Amino acid sequence: MIDSAQSAQEPQASKAIFVARQPIFDAEEKVWAYELLFRKSGQAKTADVAEDDLATASVIADGFSLAFSGMDKSRKAFINFPQRLLLDDTVYALPKEICVVEVLETITPSPEMVTALRKLKTHGYVLALDDYVGQPGYEEIIALADIVKVDLLGMDAARLREVSAGLGKYGCRLLAEKVEDRATYDLARQLGFSLFQGFFFSRPETMTGSKVPTPVMAKMRLLRALSGEDYDVRELTKIISTDPSVSYRLLNFINSAAFSLRANIQSIGQALTLLGRQQIKQWFLAVIISDFDSSAKVQEAAYTSLQRARYLESMGKLLNSRQFPSETLFLLGLFSKLDVLLSQPMDKLLQNIPLNKDVEAALLSKPSSYWAWLSLVEDIEIGNWEDVFQFLDNRELDREASASNYSEAITWTQTLLRIKGGN
């Protein structure tokens, strides 16, 4: 979470926050929970214990409702708790039905801590130990934990087998974090892990010789038509008007609270006039992206793509640079997970879409002027706040304005996807 420091001269009336949301999947590759990543920034460049306390307190007050507004309430939320907040009953501010108390590996496994965790268990909270790699001294906490998160990054197969075998006697559920490839994922499943988190779920396997299905090709043609600088508004209006589902969603979207209209819009013509050429294009692109597939993995990618697009667009407006037009940054975010959405290699997909060459290079993870923007949203999503701050500060972008834009992007995305689901 990013919460910009208040000016010494002019106190802020409200706080803007970042809450990154990272999915946790079960063995069927369905979203089982989310980890909420956050931080109180202030002027500090490193996180200390007091700062961690402020961060968690802030996310309890503000970030929890922000991240879960409009989302499936059956999903769990993993929230990191530093030592002090575990000891002073702060956890009880969150609902035990949703909150998973993630015990940081930096805590001291003292008798006082064990007593506090045992009390939480008695009150029905789910406990998870974070970043376990087999280190000694945590046996009593593991015995209490419902879930142990094992950090797989840099761990070889032999060590993973040793660590998982050692945990077997405790009867806790094993969560593999930082899973980066299929081989690691498969091995963890074989060793009894049932929950998974990491970049593997955002990077589909390359499927040699596969074909894009016909319905997807139709959507790709729409993406191609809309990705260029010029497109036929009349043709787009015709497409929307002849599709009852899309028409319904457009009218619901524009009549939603996001627009704060005094009177409801009653026709497609009215809606398109109000939105304007650029917003029509962006809304329709968003609808196409959100419709690709109903699987949990793909829908999570659609959510992330839409949120990235909206946030980057707003940051482009904030920067106001001809080098990085806001509409181009919107496309960068929107297409950043196209390979996941279509289960196809990114380079193959981009052959069919006319994009700025620097944007295309960024999407292919090649150096370009747009790569830093894509890295910005990725850093937010994994909680790499130091690099986020550096990006903003280097471009003289206000942290609080950036945080507000991110919060607005969450709301915008949730509004669009709720309308899709008919909620």
Protein backbone atom coordinates (compact mmCIF):
# COMPACT_ATOMS: atom_id res chain seq x y z
CA MET A 1 0.00 0.00 0.00
CA ILE A 2 1.27 3.44 -0.82
CA ASP A 3 0.17 6.30 1.37
CA SER A 4 1.91 9.55 0.49
CA ALA A 5 3.40 11.60 3.27
CA GLN A 6 1.42 14.53 4.46
CA SER A 7 2.86 17.92 3.79
CA ALA A 8 4.23 19.61 6.88
CA GLN A 9 2.67 22.87 5.76
CA GLU A 10 -0.72 21.56 4.68
CA PRO A 11 -2.21 18.46 6.37
CA GLN A 12 -4.12 16.12 4.10
CA ALA A 13 -7.80 15.53 4.80
CA SER A 14 -7.71 11.99 3.45
CA LYS A 15 -5.24 9.29 2.56
CA ALA A 16 -4.78 7.67 -0.81
CA ILE A 17 -3.64 4.06 -0.73
CA PHE A 18 -2.30 1.32 -2.93
CA VAL A 19 -3.40 -2.24 -2.27
CA ALA A 20 -1.86 -4.81 -4.58
CA ARG A 21 -3.84 -8.02 -4.93
CA GLN A 22 -1.98 -11.22 -5.82
CA PRO A 23 -4.04 -14.36 -6.52
CA ILE A 24 -3.48 -17.71 -4.83
CA PHE A 25 -4.67 -20.74 -6.81
CA ASP A 26 -5.73 -24.20 -5.74
CA ALA A 27 -4.70 -27.46 -7.42
CA GLU A 28 -7.46 -27.05 -10.02
CA GLU A 29 -6.00 -23.64 -10.96
CA LYS A 30 -9.01 -21.81 -9.52
CA VAL A 31 -8.55 -18.66 -7.46
CA TRP A 32 -8.79 -19.70 -3.81
CA ALA A 33 -7.61 -16.49 -2.14
CA TYR A 34 -5.75 -13.23 -2.62
CA GLU A 35 -2.76 -11.87 -0.80
CA LEU A 36 -3.10 -8.15 -0.13
CA LEU A 37 0.24 -6.38 -0.45
CA PHE A 38 0.62 -2.93 0.99
CA ARG A 39 2.98 -0.48 2.59
CA LYS A 40 3.01 2.89 4.36
CA SER A 41 5.51 4.96 2.39
CA GLY A 42 5.94 8.27 4.15
CA GLN A 43 9.38 9.51 3.26
CA ALA A 44 11.07 6.23 4.23
CA LYS A 45 13.03 4.23 1.69
CA THR A 46 13.08 1.04 3.73
CA ALA A 47 10.42 -0.61 5.85
CA ASP A 48 10.96 -0.73 9.60
CA VAL A 49 8.79 -2.36 12.26
CA ALA A 50 6.86 0.81 13.09
CA GLU A 51 6.22 1.42 9.41
CA ASP A 52 4.93 -2.13 8.93
CA ASP A 53 2.54 -1.56 11.82
CA LEU A 54 1.17 1.58 10.19
CA ALA A 55 0.81 -0.21 6.88
CA THR A 56 -1.21 -3.07 8.29
CA ALA A 57 -3.36 -0.75 10.39
CA SER A 58 -4.10 1.32 7.28
CA VAL A 59 -5.04 -1.67 5.17
CA ILE A 60 -7.39 -2.87 7.89
CA ALA A 61 -9.08 0.53 7.95
CA ASP A 62 -9.14 1.26 4.23
CA GLY A 63 -7.46 -1.23 1.96
CA PHE A 64 -9.46 -4.30 2.90
CA SER A 65 -12.75 -2.82 1.76
CA LEU A 66 -11.10 -1.31 -1.33
CA ALA A 67 -9.63 -4.62 -2.49
CA PHE A 68 -12.77 -6.64 -1.81
CA SER A 69 -15.44 -4.21 -2.98
CA GLY A 70 -17.59 -6.07 -5.47
CA MET A 71 -15.47 -9.23 -5.34
CA ASP A 72 -16.43 -12.79 -4.48
CA LYS A 73 -16.80 -12.84 -0.70
CA SER A 74 -16.06 -16.56 -0.61
CA ARG A 75 -12.39 -15.85 -1.32
CA LYS A 76 -9.91 -15.56 1.52
CA ALA A 77 -7.61 -12.56 2.02
CA PHE A 78 -4.04 -13.15 3.21
CA ILE A 79 -2.76 -10.14 5.16
CA ASN A 80 0.76 -9.82 6.54
CA PHE A 81 0.89 -9.05 10.25
CA PRO A 82 4.14 -7.84 11.86
CA GLN A 83 4.97 -8.80 15.40
CA ARG A 84 3.54 -5.82 17.28
CA LEU A 85 0.10 -6.04 15.69
CA LEU A 86 -0.09 -9.77 16.39
CA LEU A 87 0.53 -9.04 20.04
CA ASP A 88 -1.92 -6.15 20.50
CA ASP A 89 -5.14 -7.75 19.15
CA THR A 90 -5.29 -5.67 15.96
CA VAL A 91 -6.21 -8.79 13.99
CA TYR A 92 -9.67 -8.89 15.57
CA ALA A 93 -10.68 -5.84 13.51
CA LEU A 94 -10.99 -8.11 10.46
CA PRO A 95 -13.60 -10.83 9.87
CA LYS A 96 -12.31 -14.31 10.66
CA GLU A 97 -14.44 -15.74 7.82
CA ILE A 98 -12.26 -13.98 5.23
CA CYS A 99 -8.97 -12.93 6.81
CA VAL A 100 -6.00 -15.29 6.79
CA VAL A 101 -3.46 -14.05 9.31
CA GLU A 102 -0.09 -14.26 7.58
CA VAL A 103 2.64 -14.46 10.21
CA LEU A 104 5.81 -12.88 8.85
CA GLU A 105 9.01 -14.87 9.05
CA THR A 106 10.62 -11.85 10.77
CA ILE A 107 8.66 -12.37 13.99
CA THR A 108 10.39 -13.75 17.08
CA PRO A 109 8.92 -17.20 17.88
CA SER A 110 8.72 -16.41 21.60
CA PRO A 111 6.34 -17.94 24.16
CA GLU A 112 4.40 -14.64 24.10
CA MET A 113 3.96 -14.92 20.32
CA VAL A 114 2.87 -18.56 20.52
CA THR A 115 0.26 -17.59 23.14
CA ALA A 116 -1.07 -14.78 20.93
CA LEU A 117 -1.35 -17.09 17.91
CA ARG A 118 -3.04 -19.79 19.95
CA LYS A 119 -5.61 -17.20 21.07
CA LEU A 120 -6.29 -16.27 17.43
CA LYS A 121 -6.82 -19.95 16.60
CA THR A 122 -9.28 -20.24 19.49
CA HIS A 123 -11.26 -17.35 18.02
CA GLY A 124 -11.48 -19.10 14.65
CA TYR A 125 -8.82 -17.31 12.60
CA VAL A 126 -6.84 -19.12 9.92
CA LEU A 127 -3.07 -18.83 10.43
CA ALA A 128 -0.39 -18.96 7.73
CA LEU A 129 3.38 -18.86 8.26
CA ASP A 130 5.10 -16.85 5.55
CA ASP A 131 8.36 -17.53 3.66
CA TYR A 132 9.30 -20.84 5.29
CA VAL A 133 12.43 -22.46 3.85
CA GLY A 134 13.11 -25.02 6.58
CA GLN A 135 14.69 -22.66 9.11
CA PRO A 136 14.74 -23.96 12.72
CA GLY A 137 12.96 -22.37 15.68
CA TYR A 138 9.45 -22.19 14.23
CA GLU A 139 8.22 -25.63 15.25
CA GLU A 140 5.61 -24.41 17.76
CA ILE A 141 4.24 -21.90 15.25
CA ILE A 142 4.09 -24.50 12.48
CA ALA A 143 2.15 -26.76 14.84
CA LEU A 144 -0.46 -23.99 15.14
CA ALA A 145 -0.45 -22.95 11.48
CA ASP A 146 -3.24 -24.00 9.14
CA ILE A 147 -1.09 -23.09 6.13
CA VAL A 148 2.67 -22.89 5.64
CA LYS A 149 3.94 -20.87 2.69
CA VAL A 150 7.17 -22.33 1.33
CA ASP A 151 9.36 -19.97 -0.68
CA LEU A 152 10.45 -21.97 -3.73
CA LEU A 153 12.61 -19.30 -5.35
CA GLY A 154 16.16 -20.63 -5.63
CA MET A 155 15.25 -23.91 -3.88
CA ASP A 156 16.38 -27.04 -5.74
CA ALA A 157 14.27 -30.19 -6.00
CA ALA A 158 16.18 -32.08 -3.32
CA ARG A 159 15.76 -29.28 -0.79
CA LEU A 160 12.08 -28.89 -1.62
CA ARG A 161 11.52 -32.59 -0.99
CA GLU A 162 13.34 -32.30 2.33
CA VAL A 163 11.34 -29.27 3.48
CA SER A 164 7.96 -30.70 2.43
CA ALA A 165 8.75 -34.04 4.10
CA GLY A 166 9.59 -32.21 7.33
CA LEU A 167 6.24 -30.42 7.24
CA GLY A 168 4.28 -33.61 6.60
CA LYS A 169 4.04 -34.54 10.27
CA TYR A 170 2.24 -31.30 11.18
CA GLY A 171 -0.84 -31.83 9.03
CA CYS A 172 -0.88 -28.24 7.77
CA ARG A 173 -1.78 -27.22 4.24
CA LEU A 174 1.22 -26.40 2.04
CA LEU A 175 1.32 -23.31 -0.17
CA ALA A 176 4.07 -23.02 -2.78
CA GLU A 177 4.97 -19.39 -3.35
CA LYS A 178 7.13 -17.90 -6.10
CA VAL A 179 6.25 -20.71 -8.50
CA GLU A 180 7.80 -19.58 -11.77
CA ASP A 181 7.52 -22.51 -14.18
CA ARG A 182 5.57 -25.66 -15.00
CA ALA A 183 8.27 -28.05 -13.74
CA THR A 184 8.31 -26.45 -10.28
CA TYR A 185 4.51 -26.39 -10.18
CA ASP A 186 4.27 -30.07 -11.10
CA LEU A 187 6.90 -31.08 -8.53
CA ALA A 188 5.16 -29.12 -5.77
CA ARG A 189 1.87 -30.83 -6.58
CA GLN A 190 3.56 -34.24 -6.43
CA LEU A 191 4.98 -33.36 -3.01
CA GLY A 192 1.56 -32.55 -1.55
CA PHE A 193 1.25 -28.79 -2.05
CA SER A 194 -2.36 -27.78 -2.64
CA LEU A 195 -2.09 -23.98 -2.94
CA PHE A 196 0.11 -22.04 -5.37
CA GLN A 197 1.22 -18.48 -5.95
CA GLY A 198 3.65 -17.00 -8.45
CA PHE A 199 4.47 -15.84 -11.96
CA PHE A 200 3.75 -19.24 -13.50
CA PHE A 201 0.04 -18.44 -13.39
CA SER A 202 0.61 -15.30 -15.42
CA ARG A 203 2.76 -16.93 -18.06
CA PRO A 204 1.08 -19.63 -20.13
CA GLU A 205 3.04 -22.44 -21.65
CA THR A 206 4.04 -21.97 -25.27
CA MET A 207 1.93 -24.34 -27.36
CA THR A 208 3.74 -25.23 -30.56
CA GLY A 209 1.56 -25.54 -33.64
CA SER A 210 -1.68 -24.60 -31.86
CA LYS A 211 -4.45 -22.71 -33.64
CA VAL A 212 -6.49 -19.82 -32.35
CA PRO A 213 -10.20 -20.89 -32.23
CA THR A 214 -12.58 -19.21 -34.70
CA PRO A 215 -14.58 -17.21 -32.08
CA VAL A 216 -11.31 -15.87 -30.71
CA MET A 217 -10.18 -14.92 -34.21
CA ALA A 218 -13.33 -12.81 -34.57
CA LYS A 219 -12.42 -10.96 -31.39
CA MET A 220 -8.86 -10.60 -32.61
CA ARG A 221 -10.18 -8.89 -35.75
CA LEU A 222 -12.06 -6.43 -33.54
CA LEU A 223 -8.93 -5.85 -31.49
CA ARG A 224 -6.98 -5.22 -34.69
CA ALA A 225 -9.60 -2.77 -35.97
CA LEU A 226 -9.69 -0.86 -32.70
CA SER A 227 -5.95 -0.84 -31.99
CA GLY A 228 -5.06 1.53 -34.81
CA GLU A 229 -5.31 5.30 -34.54
CA ASP A 230 -8.31 5.45 -36.87
CA TYR A 231 -11.45 3.36 -36.67
CA ASP A 232 -14.97 3.65 -38.03
CA VAL A 233 -17.27 4.98 -35.29
CA ARG A 234 -20.36 4.22 -37.37
CA GLU A 235 -19.32 0.58 -37.80
CA LEU A 236 -18.62 0.26 -34.08
CA THR A 237 -22.00 1.82 -33.26
CA LYS A 238 -23.66 -0.70 -35.56
CA ILE A 239 -21.89 -3.62 -33.87
CA ILE A 240 -22.91 -2.42 -30.40
CA SER A 241 -26.50 -1.66 -31.41
CA THR A 242 -27.06 -5.12 -32.91
CA ASP A 243 -25.70 -6.96 -29.87
CA PRO A 244 -28.26 -6.88 -27.01
CA SER A 245 -25.72 -8.05 -24.42
CA VAL A 246 -23.14 -5.40 -25.31
CA SER A 247 -25.82 -2.70 -25.59
CA TYR A 248 -27.16 -3.60 -22.16
CA ARG A 249 -23.69 -3.50 -20.63
CA LEU A 250 -22.87 -0.16 -22.24
CA LEU A 251 -26.04 1.47 -20.89
CA ASN A 252 -25.54 -0.05 -17.46
CA PHE A 253 -21.93 1.07 -17.40
CA ILE A 254 -22.66 4.67 -18.35
CA ASN A 255 -25.59 4.81 -15.92
CA SER A 256 -23.45 3.47 -13.08
CA ALA A 257 -22.24 5.53 -10.14
CA ALA A 258 -18.92 6.08 -11.92
CA PHE A 259 -20.49 8.79 -14.10
CA SER A 260 -22.74 10.47 -11.50
CA LEU A 261 -25.32 11.44 -14.12
CA ARG A 262 -28.43 13.39 -13.14
CA ALA A 263 -30.63 11.39 -15.54
CA ASN A 264 -30.31 7.93 -17.01
CA ILE A 265 -29.08 7.50 -20.58
CA GLN A 266 -31.75 5.73 -22.64
CA SER A 267 -30.12 5.05 -26.03
CA ILE A 268 -26.89 3.79 -27.56
CA GLY A 269 -26.60 7.06 -29.48
CA GLN A 270 -26.78 9.09 -26.28
CA ALA A 271 -24.24 6.82 -24.60
CA LEU A 272 -21.73 7.05 -27.43
CA THR A 273 -22.13 10.83 -27.65
CA LEU A 274 -21.47 11.17 -23.93
CA LEU A 275 -18.49 8.83 -23.89
CA GLY A 276 -16.69 10.36 -26.84
CA ARG A 277 -14.56 8.68 -29.48
CA GLN A 278 -11.61 7.66 -27.29
CA GLN A 279 -13.72 6.34 -24.41
CA ILE A 280 -15.93 4.35 -26.80
CA LYS A 281 -12.85 2.63 -28.14
CA GLN A 282 -11.42 1.90 -24.69
CA TRP A 283 -14.72 0.62 -23.28
CA PHE A 284 -15.28 -1.70 -26.21
CA LEU A 285 -11.71 -3.03 -26.02
CA ALA A 286 -12.25 -3.69 -22.32
CA VAL A 287 -15.45 -5.62 -23.03
CA ILE A 288 -13.65 -7.80 -25.59
CA ILE A 289 -10.84 -8.54 -23.14
CA SER A 290 -13.26 -9.41 -20.33
CA ASP A 291 -15.16 -11.84 -22.57
CA PHE A 292 -12.29 -14.09 -23.70
CA ASP A 293 -12.76 -16.99 -21.30
CA SER A 294 -14.66 -17.76 -18.10
CA SER A 295 -11.92 -19.82 -16.42
CA ALA A 296 -10.61 -18.44 -13.13
CA LYS A 297 -7.08 -18.09 -14.44
CA VAL A 298 -8.17 -16.11 -17.50
CA GLN A 299 -10.67 -13.96 -15.60
CA GLU A 300 -7.94 -12.99 -13.14
CA ALA A 301 -5.76 -11.98 -16.10
CA ALA A 302 -8.67 -9.97 -17.55
CA TYR A 303 -9.13 -8.17 -14.24
CA THR A 304 -5.43 -7.34 -14.08
CA SER A 305 -5.31 -6.20 -17.71
CA LEU A 306 -8.24 -3.84 -17.29
CA GLN A 307 -6.93 -2.42 -14.04
CA ARG A 308 -3.48 -1.88 -15.54
CA ALA A 309 -4.96 -0.16 -18.58
CA ARG A 310 -7.04 2.28 -16.54
CA TYR A 311 -4.19 3.08 -14.13
CA LEU A 312 -1.57 3.60 -16.84
CA GLU A 313 -3.95 5.79 -18.81
CA SER A 314 -4.47 8.03 -15.78
CA MET A 315 -0.71 8.17 -15.14
CA GLY A 316 -0.17 9.22 -18.76
CA LYS A 317 -2.58 12.09 -18.23
CA LEU A 318 -0.75 13.02 -15.03
CA LEU A 319 2.62 13.03 -16.81
CA ASN A 320 1.18 14.87 -19.85
CA SER A 321 4.02 13.91 -22.17
CA ARG A 322 3.80 13.60 -25.95
CA GLN A 323 6.24 10.69 -25.72
CA PHE A 324 3.77 8.63 -23.68
CA PRO A 325 0.18 9.40 -24.77
CA SER A 326 -2.41 8.22 -22.26
CA GLU A 327 -4.29 6.23 -24.91
CA THR A 328 -1.11 4.32 -25.81
CA LEU A 329 -0.43 3.53 -22.16
CA PHE A 330 -4.02 2.25 -21.94
CA LEU A 331 -3.32 -0.23 -24.75
CA LEU A 332 -0.03 -1.25 -23.12
CA GLY A 333 -1.85 -2.27 -19.95
CA LEU A 334 -4.81 -3.80 -21.76
CA PHE A 335 -2.66 -6.09 -23.91
CA SER A 336 -0.07 -6.90 -21.22
CA LYS A 337 -1.66 -10.29 -20.48
CA LEU A 338 -2.97 -11.08 -23.92
CA ASP A 339 -0.91 -14.28 -23.98
CA VAL A 340 -2.67 -15.50 -20.83
CA LEU A 341 -6.09 -14.49 -22.12
CA LEU A 342 -5.64 -16.41 -25.36
CA SER A 343 -3.16 -19.12 -24.24
CA GLN A 344 -0.92 -18.21 -27.14
CA PRO A 345 2.65 -16.88 -27.38
CA MET A 346 2.72 -13.08 -27.24
CA ASP A 347 4.92 -12.72 -30.33
CA LYS A 348 2.42 -14.70 -32.41
CA LEU A 349 -0.52 -12.61 -31.20
CA LEU A 350 1.16 -9.28 -31.83
CA GLN A 351 1.65 -10.14 -35.48
CA ASN A 352 -2.08 -9.43 -35.91
CA ILE A 353 -2.29 -6.15 -34.00
CA PRO A 354 -0.87 -2.82 -35.26
CA LEU A 355 0.92 -1.34 -32.25
CA ASN A 356 3.61 1.24 -31.60
CA LYS A 357 6.94 -0.61 -31.98
CA ASP A 358 8.12 0.44 -28.53
CA VAL A 359 4.87 -0.83 -27.00
CA GLU A 360 5.26 -4.11 -28.88
CA ALA A 361 8.83 -4.46 -27.60
CA ALA A 362 7.68 -3.89 -24.01
CA LEU A 363 4.98 -6.55 -24.36
CA LEU A 364 7.67 -8.95 -25.58
CA SER A 365 9.84 -8.10 -22.53
CA LYS A 366 12.39 -6.32 -24.69
CA PRO A 367 14.05 -3.00 -23.78
CA SER A 368 12.03 0.00 -24.90
CA SER A 369 10.81 3.35 -23.65
CA TYR A 370 7.53 1.73 -22.54
CA TRP A 371 9.11 -1.15 -20.63
CA ALA A 372 9.45 0.95 -17.46
CA TRP A 373 5.69 1.62 -17.46
CA LEU A 374 4.90 -2.07 -17.66
CA SER A 375 7.43 -2.71 -14.91
CA LEU A 376 5.68 -0.08 -12.78
CA VAL A 377 2.37 -1.98 -12.65
CA GLU A 378 4.15 -5.30 -12.18
CA ASP A 379 6.09 -3.85 -9.24
CA ILE A 380 2.83 -2.63 -7.68
CA GLU A 381 1.27 -6.08 -8.05
CA ILE A 382 4.15 -7.86 -6.28
CA GLY A 383 4.56 -5.18 -3.62
CA ASN A 384 7.97 -3.99 -4.84
CA TRP A 385 7.31 -0.54 -3.45
CA GLU A 386 10.88 0.81 -3.55
CA ASP A 387 10.98 0.54 -7.35
CA VAL A 388 7.48 2.03 -7.57
CA PHE A 389 8.59 5.06 -5.54
CA GLN A 390 11.74 5.43 -7.61
CA PHE A 391 9.76 5.42 -10.86
CA LEU A 392 7.36 8.08 -9.58
CA ASP A 393 10.04 10.26 -8.03
CA ASN A 394 12.29 10.14 -11.11
CA ARG A 395 9.42 11.51 -13.21
CA GLU A 396 8.23 13.96 -10.56
CA LEU A 397 4.89 12.19 -10.34
CA ASP A 398 3.01 12.77 -7.10
CA ARG A 399 2.72 9.62 -4.98
CA GLU A 400 -0.67 10.47 -3.57
CA ALA A 401 -2.10 11.30 -7.01
CA SER A 402 -0.71 8.02 -8.28
CA ALA A 403 -2.27 6.13 -5.38
CA SER A 404 -5.63 7.81 -6.00
CA ASN A 405 -5.43 6.82 -9.67
CA TYR A 406 -4.78 3.21 -8.71
CA SER A 407 -7.73 3.18 -6.34
CA GLU A 408 -9.94 4.64 -9.07
CA ALA A 409 -8.69 1.96 -11.50
CA ILE A 410 -9.78 -0.73 -9.04
CA THR A 411 -13.26 0.79 -8.79
CA TRP A 412 -13.56 1.21 -12.58
CA THR A 413 -12.52 -2.40 -13.23
CA GLN A 414 -14.86 -3.80 -10.59
CA THR A 415 -17.74 -1.77 -12.03
CA LEU A 416 -17.14 -3.15 -15.52
CA LEU A 417 -16.80 -6.76 -14.37
CA ARG A 418 -19.82 -6.57 -12.05
CA ILE A 419 -21.92 -5.40 -14.99
CA LYS A 420 -20.59 -8.30 -17.05
CA GLY A 421 -21.67 -10.72 -14.36
CA GLY A 422 -25.05 -9.07 -13.99
CA ASN A 423 -24.48 -8.27 -10.30
